[in-house]
Amino acid sequence: MGVKHGREYDEILKDLTEAVGGIPDSYLFFEMDGGEWLLLSPEEKLEVHEALAEDLFYALGTEPVIEVGGGVVMYDKANHRINLLIGDEELTVVPLI
């Protein structure tokens, strides 16, 4: 189903891919370990992050809060955005409109 949005999906996906790339252990979402992650090329890591962003975009439509490694991804329906809390301090926002 996904989340409601007014921006082009490709733009949202690009921003969300970049945002999940900021979660240092985002690979844990796919049950990879650190060693497997280190063996991936930069292009492969980008592909994993893009797949993660796509999965999150659709999953947030039914599950508004999803843990990704040490981060939390939250669908803020009222403000039309996706918030990513990385650690205790860093907040990244991906606008949907």
N, C-alpha and C. Protein backbone atom coordinates (compact mmCIF):
# COMPACT_ATOMS: atom_id res chain seq x y z
N MET A 1 0.82 -1.19 0.00
CA MET A 1 0.00 0.00 0.00
C MET A 1 0.86 1.25 0.00
N GLY A 2 1.81 1.36 0.90
CA GLY A 2 2.68 2.52 0.94
C GLY A 2 2.06 3.69 1.69
N VAL A 3 2.78 4.77 1.72
CA VAL A 3 2.33 5.98 2.40
C VAL A 3 1.79 6.96 1.37
N LYS A 4 0.89 7.82 1.79
CA LYS A 4 0.37 8.83 0.88
C LYS A 4 1.46 9.86 0.61
N HIS A 5 1.52 10.29 -0.65
CA HIS A 5 2.56 11.25 -1.00
C HIS A 5 2.10 12.12 -2.15
N GLY A 6 2.70 13.31 -2.24
CA GLY A 6 2.41 14.24 -3.31
C GLY A 6 3.62 14.47 -4.21
N ARG A 7 4.80 14.22 -3.66
CA ARG A 7 6.04 14.33 -4.45
C ARG A 7 6.17 13.12 -5.35
N GLU A 8 7.00 13.26 -6.35
CA GLU A 8 7.30 12.14 -7.23
C GLU A 8 7.94 11.01 -6.42
N TYR A 9 7.49 9.79 -6.66
CA TYR A 9 8.00 8.63 -5.93
C TYR A 9 9.52 8.52 -6.08
N ASP A 10 10.04 8.75 -7.28
CA ASP A 10 11.49 8.65 -7.51
C ASP A 10 12.27 9.61 -6.63
N GLU A 11 11.74 10.81 -6.42
CA GLU A 11 12.41 11.80 -5.56
C GLU A 11 12.39 11.34 -4.10
N ILE A 12 11.24 10.83 -3.67
CA ILE A 12 11.13 10.34 -2.29
C ILE A 12 12.08 9.17 -2.09
N LEU A 13 12.10 8.24 -3.05
CA LEU A 13 12.97 7.07 -2.94
C LEU A 13 14.44 7.48 -2.87
N LYS A 14 14.85 8.46 -3.66
CA LYS A 14 16.23 8.94 -3.63
C LYS A 14 16.57 9.50 -2.25
N ASP A 15 15.69 10.34 -1.71
CA ASP A 15 15.93 10.94 -0.39
C ASP A 15 15.91 9.89 0.72
N LEU A 16 14.97 8.94 0.63
CA LEU A 16 14.88 7.91 1.66
C LEU A 16 16.08 6.96 1.59
N THR A 17 16.54 6.67 0.38
CA THR A 17 17.73 5.83 0.22
C THR A 17 18.94 6.50 0.88
N GLU A 18 19.09 7.79 0.64
CA GLU A 18 20.20 8.53 1.26
C GLU A 18 20.06 8.55 2.78
N ALA A 19 18.83 8.72 3.26
CA ALA A 19 18.60 8.79 4.70
C ALA A 19 18.90 7.46 5.39
N VAL A 20 18.44 6.34 4.82
CA VAL A 20 18.72 5.05 5.46
C VAL A 20 20.21 4.72 5.36
N GLY A 21 20.89 5.28 4.37
CA GLY A 21 22.33 5.11 4.28
C GLY A 21 23.06 5.75 5.46
N GLY A 22 22.40 6.65 6.16
CA GLY A 22 22.98 7.28 7.34
C GLY A 22 22.87 6.44 8.60
N ILE A 23 22.15 5.34 8.53
CA ILE A 23 22.06 4.43 9.68
C ILE A 23 23.23 3.46 9.57
N PRO A 24 24.21 3.57 10.47
CA PRO A 24 25.45 2.80 10.31
C PRO A 24 25.25 1.29 10.19
N ASP A 25 24.28 0.74 10.89
CA ASP A 25 24.07 -0.71 10.85
C ASP A 25 22.74 -1.07 10.18
N SER A 26 22.39 -0.33 9.14
CA SER A 26 21.14 -0.57 8.43
C SER A 26 21.07 -1.96 7.82
N TYR A 27 22.22 -2.56 7.54
CA TYR A 27 22.28 -3.90 6.95
C TYR A 27 21.63 -4.96 7.84
N LEU A 28 21.49 -4.67 9.14
CA LEU A 28 20.87 -5.62 10.06
C LEU A 28 19.41 -5.90 9.69
N PHE A 29 18.77 -4.95 9.01
CA PHE A 29 17.39 -5.12 8.58
C PHE A 29 17.26 -6.35 7.69
N PHE A 30 18.29 -6.63 6.89
CA PHE A 30 18.29 -7.78 5.99
C PHE A 30 19.03 -8.98 6.59
N GLU A 31 19.25 -8.93 7.91
CA GLU A 31 19.90 -10.00 8.65
C GLU A 31 21.30 -10.32 8.13
N MET A 32 21.98 -9.27 7.67
CA MET A 32 23.38 -9.41 7.28
C MET A 32 24.24 -9.13 8.51
N ASP A 33 25.46 -9.64 8.50
CA ASP A 33 26.37 -9.25 9.57
C ASP A 33 27.38 -8.24 9.03
N GLY A 34 28.14 -7.65 9.93
CA GLY A 34 29.08 -6.61 9.55
C GLY A 34 30.11 -7.08 8.53
N GLY A 35 30.53 -8.33 8.64
CA GLY A 35 31.51 -8.86 7.70
C GLY A 35 30.96 -8.95 6.28
N GLU A 36 29.72 -9.39 6.17
CA GLU A 36 29.09 -9.47 4.85
C GLU A 36 28.96 -8.07 4.25
N TRP A 37 28.57 -7.12 5.10
CA TRP A 37 28.40 -5.74 4.64
C TRP A 37 29.70 -5.17 4.11
N LEU A 38 30.79 -5.42 4.83
CA LEU A 38 32.09 -4.89 4.42
C LEU A 38 32.57 -5.46 3.09
N LEU A 39 32.12 -6.64 2.74
CA LEU A 39 32.52 -7.26 1.47
C LEU A 39 31.80 -6.67 0.26
N LEU A 40 30.73 -5.93 0.49
CA LEU A 40 29.97 -5.35 -0.63
C LEU A 40 30.69 -4.13 -1.20
N SER A 41 30.57 -3.97 -2.50
CA SER A 41 31.11 -2.78 -3.16
C SER A 41 30.20 -1.59 -2.85
N PRO A 42 30.67 -0.37 -3.06
CA PRO A 42 29.80 0.80 -2.85
C PRO A 42 28.51 0.73 -3.67
N GLU A 43 28.59 0.21 -4.89
CA GLU A 43 27.40 0.08 -5.72
C GLU A 43 26.41 -0.91 -5.12
N GLU A 44 26.93 -2.02 -4.60
CA GLU A 44 26.07 -3.03 -3.97
C GLU A 44 25.44 -2.48 -2.70
N LYS A 45 26.19 -1.71 -1.94
CA LYS A 45 25.63 -1.11 -0.72
C LYS A 45 24.50 -0.15 -1.08
N LEU A 46 24.68 0.62 -2.16
CA LEU A 46 23.63 1.53 -2.61
C LEU A 46 22.39 0.74 -3.02
N GLU A 47 22.57 -0.39 -3.68
CA GLU A 47 21.44 -1.23 -4.07
C GLU A 47 20.69 -1.75 -2.85
N VAL A 48 21.43 -2.15 -1.82
CA VAL A 48 20.80 -2.63 -0.58
C VAL A 48 20.01 -1.49 0.07
N HIS A 49 20.60 -0.31 0.12
CA HIS A 49 19.90 0.83 0.72
C HIS A 49 18.65 1.21 -0.07
N GLU A 50 18.73 1.11 -1.39
CA GLU A 50 17.56 1.42 -2.20
C GLU A 50 16.46 0.38 -1.98
N ALA A 51 16.83 -0.89 -1.88
CA ALA A 51 15.84 -1.94 -1.59
C ALA A 51 15.22 -1.72 -0.22
N LEU A 52 16.03 -1.32 0.74
CA LEU A 52 15.54 -1.02 2.08
C LEU A 52 14.57 0.15 2.05
N ALA A 53 14.91 1.20 1.32
CA ALA A 53 14.04 2.37 1.21
C ALA A 53 12.69 1.99 0.60
N GLU A 54 12.71 1.17 -0.44
CA GLU A 54 11.46 0.72 -1.06
C GLU A 54 10.63 -0.10 -0.08
N ASP A 55 11.27 -1.03 0.62
CA ASP A 55 10.56 -1.85 1.60
C ASP A 55 9.92 -0.98 2.68
N LEU A 56 10.68 -0.01 3.17
CA LEU A 56 10.17 0.86 4.22
C LEU A 56 9.01 1.71 3.73
N PHE A 57 9.11 2.25 2.53
CA PHE A 57 8.05 3.10 1.99
C PHE A 57 6.72 2.37 2.00
N TYR A 58 6.74 1.13 1.57
CA TYR A 58 5.50 0.36 1.52
C TYR A 58 5.08 -0.16 2.89
N ALA A 59 6.03 -0.58 3.70
CA ALA A 59 5.70 -1.12 5.02
C ALA A 59 5.16 -0.05 5.96
N LEU A 60 5.64 1.19 5.83
CA LEU A 60 5.18 2.25 6.72
C LEU A 60 3.70 2.56 6.54
N GLY A 61 3.11 2.14 5.44
CA GLY A 61 1.69 2.33 5.23
C GLY A 61 0.84 1.53 6.20
N THR A 62 1.38 0.42 6.72
CA THR A 62 0.65 -0.41 7.67
C THR A 62 1.30 -0.46 9.04
N GLU A 63 2.60 -0.24 9.09
CA GLU A 63 3.35 -0.27 10.35
C GLU A 63 4.09 1.06 10.47
N PRO A 64 3.54 2.04 11.24
CA PRO A 64 4.09 3.40 11.21
C PRO A 64 5.45 3.60 11.88
N VAL A 65 5.94 2.61 12.61
CA VAL A 65 7.26 2.71 13.25
C VAL A 65 8.00 1.40 13.01
N ILE A 66 9.19 1.52 12.40
CA ILE A 66 9.99 0.34 12.07
C ILE A 66 11.43 0.57 12.53
N GLU A 67 11.96 -0.39 13.28
CA GLU A 67 13.36 -0.32 13.70
C GLU A 67 14.24 -0.84 12.57
N VAL A 68 15.31 -0.11 12.31
CA VAL A 68 16.29 -0.49 11.29
C VAL A 68 17.65 -0.38 11.95
N GLY A 69 18.22 -1.51 12.35
CA GLY A 69 19.48 -1.48 13.07
C GLY A 69 19.33 -0.60 14.31
N GLY A 70 20.24 0.35 14.46
CA GLY A 70 20.20 1.28 15.59
C GLY A 70 19.33 2.50 15.33
N GLY A 71 18.59 2.49 14.24
CA GLY A 71 17.72 3.61 13.90
C GLY A 71 16.26 3.24 13.97
N VAL A 72 15.42 4.27 13.94
CA VAL A 72 13.97 4.08 13.93
C VAL A 72 13.41 4.93 12.81
N VAL A 73 12.57 4.31 11.97
CA VAL A 73 11.94 5.01 10.86
C VAL A 73 10.46 5.14 11.18
N MET A 74 9.94 6.38 11.10
CA MET A 74 8.57 6.65 11.53
C MET A 74 7.81 7.42 10.46
N TYR A 75 6.60 6.98 10.18
CA TYR A 75 5.72 7.68 9.25
C TYR A 75 4.93 8.70 10.04
N ASP A 76 5.13 9.96 9.74
CA ASP A 76 4.40 11.06 10.37
C ASP A 76 3.29 11.48 9.42
N LYS A 77 2.16 10.79 9.56
CA LYS A 77 1.03 10.99 8.65
C LYS A 77 0.50 12.42 8.70
N ALA A 78 0.43 12.99 9.89
CA ALA A 78 -0.13 14.34 10.07
C ALA A 78 0.68 15.41 9.36
N ASN A 79 2.00 15.22 9.31
CA ASN A 79 2.88 16.22 8.70
C ASN A 79 3.41 15.78 7.34
N HIS A 80 2.94 14.65 6.83
CA HIS A 80 3.29 14.17 5.50
C HIS A 80 4.80 14.03 5.31
N ARG A 81 5.40 13.25 6.20
CA ARG A 81 6.84 13.04 6.09
C ARG A 81 7.24 11.73 6.76
N ILE A 82 8.43 11.29 6.45
CA ILE A 82 9.03 10.13 7.09
C ILE A 82 10.19 10.65 7.92
N ASN A 83 10.20 10.32 9.20
CA ASN A 83 11.26 10.74 10.11
C ASN A 83 12.17 9.55 10.40
N LEU A 84 13.45 9.80 10.41
CA LEU A 84 14.42 8.77 10.77
C LEU A 84 15.22 9.26 11.97
N LEU A 85 15.14 8.51 13.05
CA LEU A 85 15.92 8.82 14.24
C LEU A 85 17.11 7.89 14.24
N ILE A 86 18.28 8.49 14.17
CA ILE A 86 19.53 7.72 14.12
C ILE A 86 20.26 7.97 15.42
N GLY A 87 20.38 6.93 16.23
CA GLY A 87 20.96 7.09 17.56
C GLY A 87 19.99 7.87 18.44
N ASP A 88 20.51 8.62 19.37
CA ASP A 88 19.67 9.38 20.29
C ASP A 88 19.45 10.81 19.87
N GLU A 89 20.22 11.31 18.93
CA GLU A 89 20.21 12.73 18.64
C GLU A 89 19.85 13.11 17.20
N GLU A 90 20.28 12.33 16.24
CA GLU A 90 20.17 12.74 14.84
C GLU A 90 18.80 12.40 14.26
N LEU A 91 18.12 13.42 13.75
CA LEU A 91 16.82 13.23 13.13
C LEU A 91 16.92 13.67 11.68
N THR A 92 16.51 12.81 10.79
CA THR A 92 16.47 13.12 9.36
C THR A 92 15.02 13.08 8.92
N VAL A 93 14.62 14.01 8.06
CA VAL A 93 13.24 14.10 7.60
C VAL A 93 13.20 13.96 6.09
N VAL A 94 12.28 13.11 5.61
CA VAL A 94 12.05 12.96 4.18
C VAL A 94 10.61 13.45 3.93
N PRO A 95 10.46 14.59 3.27
CA PRO A 95 9.11 15.12 3.00
C PRO A 95 8.39 14.29 1.92
N LEU A 96 7.09 14.14 2.10
CA LEU A 96 6.27 13.38 1.16
C LEU A 96 5.46 14.27 0.24
N ILE A 97 5.39 15.57 0.55
CA ILE A 97 4.67 16.50 -0.31
C ILE A 97 5.57 17.66 -0.69
